[in-house]
Amino acid sequence: SIASNIAEGDESGSNKLGIRFFNISKGSSAELYTQIL
């Protein structure tokens, strides 16, 4: 989800939508951090 949402956000065509996907990536990163622990 992290890499996929970065790709989708960057290709979305707008900064507003891109930022939304980048925030989803950040959330997935926190989720992964928790699962690794």
Full PDB file with SEQRES, HELIX, SHEET, SSBOND, CRYST1, ORIGX, SCALE, CONECT and MASTER records, all heavy atoms in Angstrom:
SEQRES   1 A   37  SER ILE ALA SER ASN ILE ALA GLU GLY ASP GLU SER GLY          
SEQRES   2 A   37  SER ASN LYS LEU GLY ILE ARG PHE PHE ASN ILE SER LYS          
SEQRES   3 A   37  GLY SER SER ALA GLU LEU TYR THR GLN ILE LEU                  
HELIX    1 AA1 ILE A    2  ASP A   10  1                                   9    
HELIX    2 AA2 ASN A   15  ILE A   36  1                                  22    
CRYST1    1.000    1.000    1.000  90.00  90.00  90.00 P 1           1          
ORIGX1      1.000000  0.000000  0.000000        0.00000                         
ORIGX2      0.000000  1.000000  0.000000        0.00000                         
ORIGX3      0.000000  0.000000  1.000000        0.00000                         
SCALE1      1.000000  0.000000  0.000000        0.00000                         
SCALE2      0.000000  1.000000  0.000000        0.00000                         
SCALE3      0.000000  0.000000  1.000000        0.00000                         
ATOM      1  N   SER A   1       0.808  -1.218   0.000  1.00  0.00           N  
ATOM      2  CA  SER A   1       0.000   0.000   0.000  1.00  0.00           C  
ATOM      3  C   SER A   1       0.844   1.271   0.000  1.00  0.00           C  
ATOM      4  O   SER A   1       0.464   2.266  -0.621  1.00  0.00           O  
ATOM      5  CB  SER A   1      -0.928  -0.007   1.215  1.00  0.00           C  
ATOM      6  OG  SER A   1      -1.681   1.181   1.269  1.00  0.00           O  
ATOM      7  N   ILE A   2       1.982   1.240   0.662  1.00  0.00           N  
ATOM      8  CA  ILE A   2       2.826   2.436   0.732  1.00  0.00           C  
ATOM      9  C   ILE A   2       3.266   2.845  -0.674  1.00  0.00           C  
ATOM     10  O   ILE A   2       2.995   3.960  -1.131  1.00  0.00           O  
ATOM     11  CB  ILE A   2       4.046   2.216   1.649  1.00  0.00           C  
ATOM     12  CG1 ILE A   2       3.609   1.899   3.074  1.00  0.00           C  
ATOM     13  CG2 ILE A   2       4.946   3.461   1.630  1.00  0.00           C  
ATOM     14  CD1 ILE A   2       4.734   1.392   3.974  1.00  0.00           C  
ATOM     15  N   ALA A   3       3.943   1.950  -1.366  1.00  0.00           N  
ATOM     16  CA  ALA A   3       4.449   2.268  -2.709  1.00  0.00           C  
ATOM     17  C   ALA A   3       3.312   2.511  -3.697  1.00  0.00           C  
ATOM     18  O   ALA A   3       3.392   3.411  -4.537  1.00  0.00           O  
ATOM     19  CB  ALA A   3       5.359   1.146  -3.200  1.00  0.00           C  
ATOM     20  N   SER A   4       2.261   1.719  -3.600  1.00  0.00           N  
ATOM     21  CA  SER A   4       1.142   1.845  -4.540  1.00  0.00           C  
ATOM     22  C   SER A   4       0.460   3.204  -4.428  1.00  0.00           C  
ATOM     23  O   SER A   4       0.123   3.827  -5.447  1.00  0.00           O  
ATOM     24  CB  SER A   4       0.122   0.738  -4.297  1.00  0.00           C  
ATOM     25  OG  SER A   4       0.702  -0.525  -4.523  1.00  0.00           O  
ATOM     26  N   ASN A   5       0.250   3.674  -3.207  1.00  0.00           N  
ATOM     27  CA  ASN A   5      -0.412   4.962  -3.030  1.00  0.00           C  
ATOM     28  C   ASN A   5       0.492   6.135  -3.411  1.00  0.00           C  
ATOM     29  O   ASN A   5       0.003   7.160  -3.864  1.00  0.00           O  
ATOM     30  CB  ASN A   5      -0.940   5.103  -1.598  1.00  0.00           C  
ATOM     31  CG  ASN A   5      -2.257   4.396  -1.441  1.00  0.00           C  
ATOM     32  OD1 ASN A   5      -3.254   4.788  -2.033  1.00  0.00           O  
ATOM     33  ND2 ASN A   5      -2.256   3.318  -0.680  1.00  0.00           N  
ATOM     34  N   ILE A   6       1.793   5.973  -3.268  1.00  0.00           N  
ATOM     35  CA  ILE A   6       2.712   7.006  -3.753  1.00  0.00           C  
ATOM     36  C   ILE A   6       2.586   7.108  -5.274  1.00  0.00           C  
ATOM     37  O   ILE A   6       2.464   8.213  -5.828  1.00  0.00           O  
ATOM     38  CB  ILE A   6       4.166   6.705  -3.341  1.00  0.00           C  
ATOM     39  CG1 ILE A   6       4.328   6.831  -1.826  1.00  0.00           C  
ATOM     40  CG2 ILE A   6       5.138   7.646  -4.068  1.00  0.00           C  
ATOM     41  CD1 ILE A   6       5.642   6.274  -1.293  1.00  0.00           C  
ATOM     42  N   ALA A   7       2.599   5.963  -5.947  1.00  0.00           N  
ATOM     43  CA  ALA A   7       2.472   5.955  -7.405  1.00  0.00           C  
ATOM     44  C   ALA A   7       1.139   6.562  -7.833  1.00  0.00           C  
ATOM     45  O   ALA A   7       1.093   7.422  -8.726  1.00  0.00           O  
ATOM     46  CB  ALA A   7       2.611   4.527  -7.929  1.00  0.00           C  
ATOM     47  N   GLU A   8       0.067   6.135  -7.197  1.00  0.00           N  
ATOM     48  CA  GLU A   8      -1.249   6.638  -7.561  1.00  0.00           C  
ATOM     49  C   GLU A   8      -1.364   8.139  -7.295  1.00  0.00           C  
ATOM     50  O   GLU A   8      -1.910   8.890  -8.109  1.00  0.00           O  
ATOM     51  CB  GLU A   8      -2.341   5.876  -6.810  1.00  0.00           C  
ATOM     52  CG  GLU A   8      -3.723   6.169  -7.328  1.00  0.00           C  
ATOM     53  CD  GLU A   8      -4.774   5.209  -6.817  1.00  0.00           C  
ATOM     54  OE1 GLU A   8      -4.455   4.295  -6.029  1.00  0.00           O  
ATOM     55  OE2 GLU A   8      -5.933   5.383  -7.222  1.00  0.00           O  
ATOM     56  N   GLY A   9      -0.827   8.579  -6.177  1.00  0.00           N  
ATOM     57  CA  GLY A   9      -0.880   9.996  -5.856  1.00  0.00           C  
ATOM     58  C   GLY A   9      -0.095  10.846  -6.829  1.00  0.00           C  
ATOM     59  O   GLY A   9      -0.533  11.920  -7.243  1.00  0.00           O  
ATOM     60  N   ASP A  10       1.068  10.353  -7.210  1.00  0.00           N  
ATOM     61  CA  ASP A  10       1.897  11.129  -8.125  1.00  0.00           C  
ATOM     62  C   ASP A  10       1.291  11.181  -9.525  1.00  0.00           C  
ATOM     63  O   ASP A  10       1.468  12.158 -10.237  1.00  0.00           O  
ATOM     64  CB  ASP A  10       3.309  10.551  -8.181  1.00  0.00           C  
ATOM     65  CG  ASP A  10       4.297  11.521  -8.780  1.00  0.00           C  
ATOM     66  OD1 ASP A  10       4.401  12.653  -8.257  1.00  0.00           O  
ATOM     67  OD2 ASP A  10       4.945  11.169  -9.775  1.00  0.00           O  
ATOM     68  N   GLU A  11       0.556  10.172  -9.889  1.00  0.00           N  
ATOM     69  CA  GLU A  11      -0.060  10.118 -11.208  1.00  0.00           C  
ATOM     70  C   GLU A  11      -1.484  10.679 -11.218  1.00  0.00           C  
ATOM     71  O   GLU A  11      -2.127  10.687 -12.262  1.00  0.00           O  
ATOM     72  CB  GLU A  11      -0.080   8.674 -11.715  1.00  0.00           C  
ATOM     73  CG  GLU A  11       1.292   8.110 -12.007  1.00  0.00           C  
ATOM     74  CD  GLU A  11       1.945   8.717 -13.241  1.00  0.00           C  
ATOM     75  OE1 GLU A  11       1.239   8.965 -14.239  1.00  0.00           O  
ATOM     76  OE2 GLU A  11       3.164   8.950 -13.194  1.00  0.00           O  
ATOM     77  N   SER A  12      -1.965  11.151 -10.087  1.00  0.00           N  
ATOM     78  CA  SER A  12      -3.370  11.565  -9.979  1.00  0.00           C  
ATOM     79  C   SER A  12      -3.707  12.806 -10.785  1.00  0.00           C  
ATOM     80  O   SER A  12      -4.866  13.034 -11.113  1.00  0.00           O  
ATOM     81  CB  SER A  12      -3.733  11.799  -8.511  1.00  0.00           C  
ATOM     82  OG  SER A  12      -3.058  12.957  -8.027  1.00  0.00           O  
ATOM     83  N   GLY A  13      -2.722  13.628 -11.065  1.00  0.00           N  
ATOM     84  CA  GLY A  13      -2.984  14.818 -11.865  1.00  0.00           C  
ATOM     85  C   GLY A  13      -3.288  16.074 -11.076  1.00  0.00           C  
ATOM     86  O   GLY A  13      -3.448  17.144 -11.657  1.00  0.00           O  
ATOM     87  N   SER A  14      -3.384  15.955  -9.760  1.00  0.00           N  
ATOM     88  CA  SER A  14      -3.608  17.164  -8.956  1.00  0.00           C  
ATOM     89  C   SER A  14      -2.869  17.042  -7.626  1.00  0.00           C  
ATOM     90  O   SER A  14      -2.739  15.940  -7.086  1.00  0.00           O  
ATOM     91  CB  SER A  14      -5.102  17.391  -8.701  1.00  0.00           C  
ATOM     92  OG  SER A  14      -5.585  16.620  -7.627  1.00  0.00           O  
ATOM     93  N   ASN A  15      -2.386  18.173  -7.140  1.00  0.00           N  
ATOM     94  CA  ASN A  15      -1.682  18.165  -5.860  1.00  0.00           C  
ATOM     95  C   ASN A  15      -2.611  17.771  -4.721  1.00  0.00           C  
ATOM     96  O   ASN A  15      -2.207  17.035  -3.824  1.00  0.00           O  
ATOM     97  CB  ASN A  15      -1.039  19.520  -5.585  1.00  0.00           C  
ATOM     98  CG  ASN A  15       0.273  19.685  -6.310  1.00  0.00           C  
ATOM     99  OD1 ASN A  15       0.955  18.716  -6.620  1.00  0.00           O  
ATOM    100  ND2 ASN A  15       0.635  20.920  -6.596  1.00  0.00           N  
ATOM    101  N   LYS A  16      -3.862  18.259  -4.749  1.00  0.00           N  
ATOM    102  CA  LYS A  16      -4.797  17.953  -3.670  1.00  0.00           C  
ATOM    103  C   LYS A  16      -5.037  16.445  -3.571  1.00  0.00           C  
ATOM    104  O   LYS A  16      -4.966  15.863  -2.481  1.00  0.00           O  
ATOM    105  CB  LYS A  16      -6.114  18.691  -3.889  1.00  0.00           C  
ATOM    106  CG  LYS A  16      -7.116  18.487  -2.780  1.00  0.00           C  
ATOM    107  CD  LYS A  16      -8.374  19.291  -2.999  1.00  0.00           C  
ATOM    108  CE  LYS A  16      -9.343  19.061  -1.853  1.00  0.00           C  
ATOM    109  NZ  LYS A  16     -10.569  19.819  -2.002  1.00  0.00           N  
ATOM    110  N   LEU A  17      -5.304  15.813  -4.690  1.00  0.00           N  
ATOM    111  CA  LEU A  17      -5.536  14.372  -4.691  1.00  0.00           C  
ATOM    112  C   LEU A  17      -4.242  13.625  -4.384  1.00  0.00           C  
ATOM    113  O   LEU A  17      -4.249  12.638  -3.642  1.00  0.00           O  
ATOM    114  CB  LEU A  17      -6.103  13.933  -6.042  1.00  0.00           C  
ATOM    115  CG  LEU A  17      -6.642  12.513  -6.132  1.00  0.00           C  
ATOM    116  CD1 LEU A  17      -7.680  12.234  -5.047  1.00  0.00           C  
ATOM    117  CD2 LEU A  17      -7.242  12.289  -7.516  1.00  0.00           C  
ATOM    118  N   GLY A  18      -3.126  14.103  -4.916  1.00  0.00           N  
ATOM    119  CA  GLY A  18      -1.833  13.487  -4.632  1.00  0.00           C  
ATOM    120  C   GLY A  18      -1.529  13.478  -3.147  1.00  0.00           C  
ATOM    121  O   GLY A  18      -1.099  12.461  -2.592  1.00  0.00           O  
ATOM    122  N   ILE A  19      -1.764  14.606  -2.502  1.00  0.00           N  
ATOM    123  CA  ILE A  19      -1.518  14.717  -1.061  1.00  0.00           C  
ATOM    124  C   ILE A  19      -2.380  13.721  -0.290  1.00  0.00           C  
ATOM    125  O   ILE A  19      -1.925  13.107   0.678  1.00  0.00           O  
ATOM    126  CB  ILE A  19      -1.756  16.173  -0.589  1.00  0.00           C  
ATOM    127  CG1 ILE A  19      -0.637  17.069  -1.126  1.00  0.00           C  
ATOM    128  CG2 ILE A  19      -1.858  16.256   0.926  1.00  0.00           C  
ATOM    129  CD1 ILE A  19      -0.918  18.563  -1.000  1.00  0.00           C  
ATOM    130  N   ARG A  20      -3.610  13.541  -0.739  1.00  0.00           N  
ATOM    131  CA  ARG A  20      -4.495  12.565  -0.077  1.00  0.00           C  
ATOM    132  C   ARG A  20      -3.864  11.166  -0.122  1.00  0.00           C  
ATOM    133  O   ARG A  20      -3.820  10.452   0.878  1.00  0.00           O  
ATOM    134  CB  ARG A  20      -5.865  12.563  -0.758  1.00  0.00           C  
ATOM    135  CG  ARG A  20      -6.836  11.590  -0.155  1.00  0.00           C  
ATOM    136  CD  ARG A  20      -8.228  11.740  -0.792  1.00  0.00           C  
ATOM    137  NE  ARG A  20      -9.053  10.643  -0.403  1.00  0.00           N  
ATOM    138  CZ  ARG A  20      -9.199   9.515  -1.115  1.00  0.00           C  
ATOM    139  NH1 ARG A  20      -8.579   9.362  -2.250  1.00  0.00           N  
ATOM    140  NH2 ARG A  20      -9.983   8.550  -0.684  1.00  0.00           N  
ATOM    141  N   PHE A  21      -3.375  10.776  -1.299  1.00  0.00           N  
ATOM    142  CA  PHE A  21      -2.748   9.460  -1.437  1.00  0.00           C  
ATOM    143  C   PHE A  21      -1.442   9.368  -0.643  1.00  0.00           C  
ATOM    144  O   PHE A  21      -1.135   8.317  -0.079  1.00  0.00           O  
ATOM    145  CB  PHE A  21      -2.501   9.122  -2.911  1.00  0.00           C  
ATOM    146  CG  PHE A  21      -3.746   8.684  -3.629  1.00  0.00           C  
ATOM    147  CD1 PHE A  21      -4.372   9.527  -4.534  1.00  0.00           C  
ATOM    148  CD2 PHE A  21      -4.293   7.432  -3.411  1.00  0.00           C  
ATOM    149  CE1 PHE A  21      -5.518   9.131  -5.200  1.00  0.00           C  
ATOM    150  CE2 PHE A  21      -5.435   7.022  -4.073  1.00  0.00           C  
ATOM    151  CZ  PHE A  21      -6.051   7.881  -4.972  1.00  0.00           C  
ATOM    152  N   PHE A  22      -0.682  10.449  -0.595  1.00  0.00           N  
ATOM    153  CA  PHE A  22       0.563  10.434   0.174  1.00  0.00           C  
ATOM    154  C   PHE A  22       0.265  10.269   1.666  1.00  0.00           C  
ATOM    155  O   PHE A  22       0.997   9.595   2.383  1.00  0.00           O  
ATOM    156  CB  PHE A  22       1.387  11.692  -0.076  1.00  0.00           C  
ATOM    157  CG  PHE A  22       1.790  11.887  -1.520  1.00  0.00           C  
ATOM    158  CD1 PHE A  22       1.972  13.161  -2.031  1.00  0.00           C  
ATOM    159  CD2 PHE A  22       1.978  10.811  -2.373  1.00  0.00           C  
ATOM    160  CE1 PHE A  22       2.332  13.353  -3.359  1.00  0.00           C  
ATOM    161  CE2 PHE A  22       2.343  10.993  -3.703  1.00  0.00           C  
ATOM    162  CZ  PHE A  22       2.517  12.273  -4.202  1.00  0.00           C  
ATOM    163  N   ASN A  23      -0.828  10.880   2.119  1.00  0.00           N  
ATOM    164  CA  ASN A  23      -1.231  10.697   3.520  1.00  0.00           C  
ATOM    165  C   ASN A  23      -1.678   9.259   3.785  1.00  0.00           C  
ATOM    166  O   ASN A  23      -1.420   8.719   4.867  1.00  0.00           O  
ATOM    167  CB  ASN A  23      -2.326  11.693   3.903  1.00  0.00           C  
ATOM    168  CG  ASN A  23      -1.762  13.024   4.310  1.00  0.00           C  
ATOM    169  OD1 ASN A  23      -0.853  13.099   5.135  1.00  0.00           O  
ATOM    170  ND2 ASN A  23      -2.274  14.103   3.725  1.00  0.00           N  
ATOM    171  N   ILE A  24      -2.334   8.644   2.827  1.00  0.00           N  
ATOM    172  CA  ILE A  24      -2.698   7.235   2.967  1.00  0.00           C  
ATOM    173  C   ILE A  24      -1.425   6.396   3.081  1.00  0.00           C  
ATOM    174  O   ILE A  24      -1.346   5.473   3.905  1.00  0.00           O  
ATOM    175  CB  ILE A  24      -3.580   6.766   1.798  1.00  0.00           C  
ATOM    176  CG1 ILE A  24      -4.951   7.449   1.875  1.00  0.00           C  
ATOM    177  CG2 ILE A  24      -3.735   5.245   1.784  1.00  0.00           C  
ATOM    178  CD1 ILE A  24      -5.811   7.278   0.632  1.00  0.00           C  
ATOM    179  N   SER A  25      -0.414   6.726   2.281  1.00  0.00           N  
ATOM    180  CA  SER A  25       0.878   6.021   2.356  1.00  0.00           C  
ATOM    181  C   SER A  25       1.495   6.171   3.740  1.00  0.00           C  
ATOM    182  O   SER A  25       2.034   5.202   4.288  1.00  0.00           O  
ATOM    183  CB  SER A  25       1.850   6.553   1.299  1.00  0.00           C  
ATOM    184  OG  SER A  25       1.457   6.166   0.014  1.00  0.00           O  
ATOM    185  N   LYS A  26       1.436   7.374   4.302  1.00  0.00           N  
ATOM    186  CA  LYS A  26       1.961   7.589   5.656  1.00  0.00           C  
ATOM    187  C   LYS A  26       1.212   6.710   6.659  1.00  0.00           C  
ATOM    188  O   LYS A  26       1.816   6.125   7.554  1.00  0.00           O  
ATOM    189  CB  LYS A  26       1.845   9.057   6.073  1.00  0.00           C  
ATOM    190  CG  LYS A  26       2.993   9.920   5.602  1.00  0.00           C  
ATOM    191  CD  LYS A  26       2.884  11.338   6.124  1.00  0.00           C  
ATOM    192  CE  LYS A  26       2.807  11.473   7.605  1.00  0.00           C  
ATOM    193  NZ  LYS A  26       4.043  11.457   8.348  1.00  0.00           N  
ATOM    194  N   GLY A  27      -0.087   6.620   6.504  1.00  0.00           N  
ATOM    195  CA  GLY A  27      -0.880   5.760   7.385  1.00  0.00           C  
ATOM    196  C   GLY A  27      -0.491   4.303   7.246  1.00  0.00           C  
ATOM    197  O   GLY A  27      -0.377   3.576   8.241  1.00  0.00           O  
ATOM    198  N   SER A  28      -0.257   3.871   6.027  1.00  0.00           N  
ATOM    199  CA  SER A  28       0.166   2.491   5.792  1.00  0.00           C  
ATOM    200  C   SER A  28       1.544   2.228   6.387  1.00  0.00           C  
ATOM    201  O   SER A  28       1.823   1.133   6.884  1.00  0.00           O  
ATOM    202  CB  SER A  28       0.174   2.174   4.295  1.00  0.00           C  
ATOM    203  OG  SER A  28      -1.139   2.206   3.785  1.00  0.00           O  
ATOM    204  N   SER A  29       2.399   3.236   6.350  1.00  0.00           N  
ATOM    205  CA  SER A  29       3.726   3.113   6.953  1.00  0.00           C  
ATOM    206  C   SER A  29       3.613   2.923   8.473  1.00  0.00           C  
ATOM    207  O   SER A  29       4.304   2.096   9.053  1.00  0.00           O  
ATOM    208  CB  SER A  29       4.577   4.335   6.625  1.00  0.00           C  
ATOM    209  OG  SER A  29       5.848   4.222   7.196  1.00  0.00           O  
ATOM    210  N   ALA A  30       2.720   3.668   9.098  1.00  0.00           N  
ATOM    211  CA  ALA A  30       2.496   3.527  10.543  1.00  0.00           C  
ATOM    212  C   ALA A  30       1.883   2.159  10.860  1.00  0.00           C  
ATOM    213  O   ALA A  30       2.239   1.526  11.859  1.00  0.00           O  
ATOM    214  CB  ALA A  30       1.587   4.648  11.043  1.00  0.00           C  
ATOM    215  N   GLU A  31       0.988   1.715   9.999  1.00  0.00           N  
ATOM    216  CA  GLU A  31       0.376   0.395  10.164  1.00  0.00           C  
ATOM    217  C   GLU A  31       1.450  -0.684  10.074  1.00  0.00           C  
ATOM    218  O   GLU A  31       1.511  -1.598  10.914  1.00  0.00           O  
ATOM    219  CB  GLU A  31      -0.668   0.208   9.069  1.00  0.00           C  
ATOM    220  CG  GLU A  31      -1.462  -1.056   9.157  1.00  0.00           C  
ATOM    221  CD  GLU A  31      -2.505  -1.168   8.047  1.00  0.00           C  
ATOM    222  OE1 GLU A  31      -2.577  -0.307   7.157  1.00  0.00           O  
ATOM    223  OE2 GLU A  31      -3.239  -2.164   8.084  1.00  0.00           O  
ATOM    224  N   LEU A  32       2.327  -0.584   9.073  1.00  0.00           N  
ATOM    225  CA  LEU A  32       3.404  -1.554   8.902  1.00  0.00           C  
ATOM    226  C   LEU A  32       4.348  -1.526  10.097  1.00  0.00           C  
ATOM    227  O   LEU A  32       4.777  -2.578  10.582  1.00  0.00           O  
ATOM    228  CB  LEU A  32       4.165  -1.271   7.601  1.00  0.00           C  
ATOM    229  CG  LEU A  32       5.323  -2.207   7.289  1.00  0.00           C  
ATOM    230  CD1 LEU A  32       4.858  -3.658   7.192  1.00  0.00           C  
ATOM    231  CD2 LEU A  32       6.012  -1.765   5.996  1.00  0.00           C  
ATOM    232  N   TYR A  33       4.678  -0.345  10.585  1.00  0.00           N  
ATOM    233  CA  TYR A  33       5.549  -0.195  11.757  1.00  0.00           C  
ATOM    234  C   TYR A  33       4.967  -0.988  12.934  1.00  0.00           C  
ATOM    235  O   TYR A  33       5.672  -1.750  13.591  1.00  0.00           O  
ATOM    236  CB  TYR A  33       5.676   1.289  12.106  1.00  0.00           C  
ATOM    237  CG  TYR A  33       6.690   1.607  13.171  1.00  0.00           C  
ATOM    238  CD1 TYR A  33       7.963   2.045  12.828  1.00  0.00           C  
ATOM    239  CD2 TYR A  33       6.375   1.487  14.519  1.00  0.00           C  
ATOM    240  CE1 TYR A  33       8.905   2.359  13.797  1.00  0.00           C  
ATOM    241  CE2 TYR A  33       7.302   1.785  15.499  1.00  0.00           C  
ATOM    242  CZ  TYR A  33       8.568   2.221  15.140  1.00  0.00           C  
ATOM    243  OH  TYR A  33       9.497   2.520  16.113  1.00  0.00           O  
ATOM    244  N   THR A  34       3.685  -0.816  13.164  1.00  0.00           N  
ATOM    245  CA  THR A  34       3.000  -1.513  14.259  1.00  0.00           C  
ATOM    246  C   THR A  34       3.043  -3.020  14.067  1.00  0.00           C  
ATOM    247  O   THR A  34       3.339  -3.779  15.009  1.00  0.00           O  
ATOM    248  CB  THR A  34       1.537  -1.032  14.341  1.00  0.00           C  
ATOM    249  OG1 THR A  34       1.533   0.387  14.556  1.00  0.00           O  
ATOM    250  CG2 THR A  34       0.779  -1.724  15.463  1.00  0.00           C  
ATOM    251  N   GLN A  35       2.781  -3.480  12.868  1.00  0.00           N  
ATOM    252  CA  GLN A  35       2.776  -4.917  12.589  1.00  0.00           C  
ATOM    253  C   GLN A  35       4.166  -5.532  12.720  1.00  0.00           C  
ATOM    254  O   GLN A  35       4.300  -6.666  13.181  1.00  0.00           O  
ATOM    255  CB  GLN A  35       2.206  -5.158  11.194  1.00  0.00           C  
ATOM    256  CG  GLN A  35       0.740  -4.781  11.110  1.00  0.00           C  
ATOM    257  CD  GLN A  35       0.277  -4.465   9.714  1.00  0.00           C  
ATOM    258  OE1 GLN A  35       1.057  -4.471   8.759  1.00  0.00           O  
ATOM    259  NE2 GLN A  35      -1.004  -4.169   9.582  1.00  0.00           N  
ATOM    260  N   ILE A  36       5.187  -4.785  12.341  1.00  0.00           N  
ATOM    261  CA  ILE A  36       6.561  -5.266  12.499  1.00  0.00           C  
ATOM    262  C   ILE A  36       6.889  -5.436  13.980  1.00  0.00           C  
ATOM    263  O   ILE A  36       7.484  -6.433  14.388  1.00  0.00           O  
ATOM    264  CB  ILE A  36       7.560  -4.315  11.807  1.00  0.00           C  
ATOM    265  CG1 ILE A  36       7.392  -4.403  10.288  1.00  0.00           C  
ATOM    266  CG2 ILE A  36       8.995  -4.624  12.215  1.00  0.00           C  
ATOM    267  CD1 ILE A  36       8.033  -3.259   9.535  1.00  0.00           C  
ATOM    268  N   LEU A  37       6.501  -4.456  14.789  1.00  0.00           N  
ATOM    269  CA  LEU A  37       6.729  -4.564  16.240  1.00  0.00           C  
ATOM    270  C   LEU A  37       6.023  -5.795  16.817  1.00  0.00           C  
ATOM    271  O   LEU A  37       6.595  -6.527  17.629  1.00  0.00           O  
ATOM    272  CB  LEU A  37       6.246  -3.313  16.964  1.00  0.00           C  
ATOM    273  CG  LEU A  37       7.197  -2.130  16.994  1.00  0.00           C  
ATOM    274  CD1 LEU A  37       6.537  -0.936  17.686  1.00  0.00           C  
ATOM    275  CD2 LEU A  37       8.505  -2.486  17.690  1.00  0.00           C  
TER     276      LEU A  37                                                      
MASTER        0    0    0    2    0    0    0    6  275    1    0    3          
END                                                                             
